[in-house]
Amino acid sequence: MEFIILILAGILFAAAIYNLLQKQLLRLVIGSVLLSHGAHLFILTMGKLKRGSPPILSDGVENYTDPLPQALILTSIVISFGITSLLLVLAYRTTEENDTDNMEQLRGNENE
């Protein structure tokens, strides 16, 4: 199971890098979203997908799950949501001001 999730995280990283290398601003935002989702899966997999009881001390329970990867992922989701919303607003504002979302035209290079 962990191997499948690692492959999925790798596919997300590859798609993110492909989108980050494109010229359109929206693809840059999509690439950053895919990169953060790949990182979430990677953190979850590195925390080992153990099954067990919630980490509450009780009698007769020997296997507990580790809450640290889940807490890290939850924090990362909140941060990536904030970054994504900021990037979307910046991309929208840039497109409205300059009438283009092409990075080459925004840099001043007219050769496409």
Protein backbone atom coordinates (compact mmCIF):
# COMPACT_ATOMS: atom_id res chain seq x y z
CA MET A 1 0.00 0.00 0.00
CA GLU A 2 2.80 2.40 0.85
CA PHE A 3 4.50 1.65 -2.47
CA ILE A 4 1.37 2.64 -4.42
CA ILE A 5 1.05 5.91 -2.53
CA LEU A 6 4.74 6.68 -3.13
CA ILE A 7 4.25 6.11 -6.86
CA LEU A 8 1.22 8.40 -6.80
CA ALA A 9 3.25 11.06 -4.97
CA GLY A 10 5.97 10.73 -7.62
CA ILE A 11 3.42 11.18 -10.39
CA LEU A 12 2.09 14.28 -8.65
CA PHE A 13 5.64 15.66 -8.32
CA ALA A 14 6.30 15.01 -12.02
CA ALA A 15 3.05 16.71 -13.08
CA ALA A 16 3.83 19.62 -10.77
CA ILE A 17 7.29 20.15 -12.23
CA TYR A 18 5.85 19.98 -15.75
CA ASN A 19 3.25 22.64 -14.88
CA LEU A 20 5.77 24.85 -13.09
CA LEU A 21 7.88 24.98 -16.26
CA GLN A 22 5.01 26.27 -18.42
CA LYS A 23 4.50 29.88 -19.51
CA GLN A 24 0.96 30.50 -18.25
CA LEU A 25 0.32 31.81 -14.75
CA LEU A 26 -2.59 29.47 -14.09
CA ARG A 27 -0.40 26.47 -14.85
CA LEU A 28 2.12 27.77 -12.32
CA VAL A 29 -0.62 27.85 -9.69
CA ILE A 30 -1.78 24.34 -10.64
CA GLY A 31 1.83 23.15 -10.42
CA SER A 32 2.22 24.53 -6.91
CA VAL A 33 -1.04 22.86 -5.85
CA LEU A 34 0.07 19.50 -7.26
CA LEU A 35 3.45 19.89 -5.57
CA SER A 36 1.82 20.46 -2.20
CA HIS A 37 -0.49 17.46 -2.65
CA GLY A 38 2.50 15.30 -3.53
CA ALA A 39 4.27 16.51 -0.40
CA HIS A 40 1.20 15.65 1.70
CA LEU A 41 1.17 12.10 0.38
CA PHE A 42 4.92 11.81 0.89
CA ILE A 43 4.70 12.94 4.52
CA LEU A 44 1.82 10.53 5.14
CA THR A 45 3.77 7.64 3.65
CA MET A 46 6.94 8.43 5.58
CA GLY A 47 4.88 8.28 8.78
CA LYS A 48 4.20 4.61 7.96
CA LEU A 49 0.59 3.72 7.35
CA LYS A 50 0.02 1.88 10.62
CA ARG A 51 -3.36 0.73 11.78
CA GLY A 52 -4.16 0.95 15.43
CA SER A 53 -6.14 2.70 18.07
CA PRO A 54 -6.28 6.45 18.50
CA PRO A 55 -3.43 7.76 20.66
CA ILE A 56 -5.52 7.84 23.83
CA LEU A 57 -4.25 5.81 26.75
CA SER A 58 -6.60 3.02 27.68
CA ASP A 59 -6.27 -0.46 29.13
CA GLY A 60 -5.64 -3.40 26.84
CA VAL A 61 -4.49 -1.42 23.78
CA GLU A 62 -0.97 -2.12 22.56
CA ASN A 63 -0.86 -0.60 19.04
CA TYR A 64 -1.33 3.11 18.73
CA THR A 65 -1.20 5.23 15.58
CA ASP A 66 1.29 8.07 15.35
CA PRO A 67 -0.56 11.43 15.34
CA LEU A 68 2.48 13.47 14.27
CA PRO A 69 2.27 12.87 10.46
CA GLN A 70 -1.45 13.65 10.52
CA ALA A 71 -0.84 16.89 12.42
CA LEU A 72 1.93 17.88 10.00
CA ILE A 73 -0.29 17.19 7.01
CA LEU A 74 -3.17 19.17 8.48
CA THR A 75 -0.88 22.14 9.06
CA SER A 76 0.54 21.77 5.57
CA ILE A 77 -2.95 21.69 4.03
CA VAL A 78 -3.87 24.95 5.74
CA ILE A 79 -0.64 26.63 4.64
CA SER A 80 -0.95 25.38 1.05
CA PHE A 81 -4.55 26.63 0.90
CA GLY A 82 -3.39 30.09 1.94
CA ILE A 83 -0.54 30.07 -0.58
CA THR A 84 -2.87 28.85 -3.33
CA SER A 85 -5.40 31.59 -2.66
CA LEU A 86 -2.61 34.20 -2.65
CA LEU A 87 -1.23 32.89 -5.94
CA LEU A 88 -4.69 32.87 -7.54
CA VAL A 89 -5.31 36.49 -6.51
CA LEU A 90 -1.89 37.56 -7.77
CA ALA A 91 -2.39 35.74 -11.08
CA TYR A 92 -5.84 37.27 -11.54
CA ARG A 93 -4.60 40.75 -10.74
CA THR A 94 -1.60 40.40 -13.06
CA THR A 95 -3.80 39.13 -15.89
CA GLU A 96 -6.27 41.99 -15.44
CA GLU A 97 -3.55 44.67 -15.33
CA ASN A 98 -1.45 43.38 -18.24
CA ASP A 99 -4.09 41.66 -20.41
CA THR A 100 -1.95 38.52 -20.63
CA ASP A 101 -0.95 35.56 -18.52
CA ASN A 102 2.05 34.60 -20.64
CA MET A 103 5.27 34.84 -18.64
CA GLU A 104 7.36 35.71 -21.71
CA GLN A 105 5.19 38.73 -22.47
CA LEU A 106 5.20 39.79 -18.82
CA ARG A 107 9.02 39.71 -18.80
CA GLY A 108 9.11 41.93 -21.88
CA ASN A 109 10.36 39.29 -24.28
CA GLU A 110 8.20 39.59 -27.35
CA ASN A 111 9.78 36.52 -28.99
CA GLU A 112 7.45 33.64 -28.25
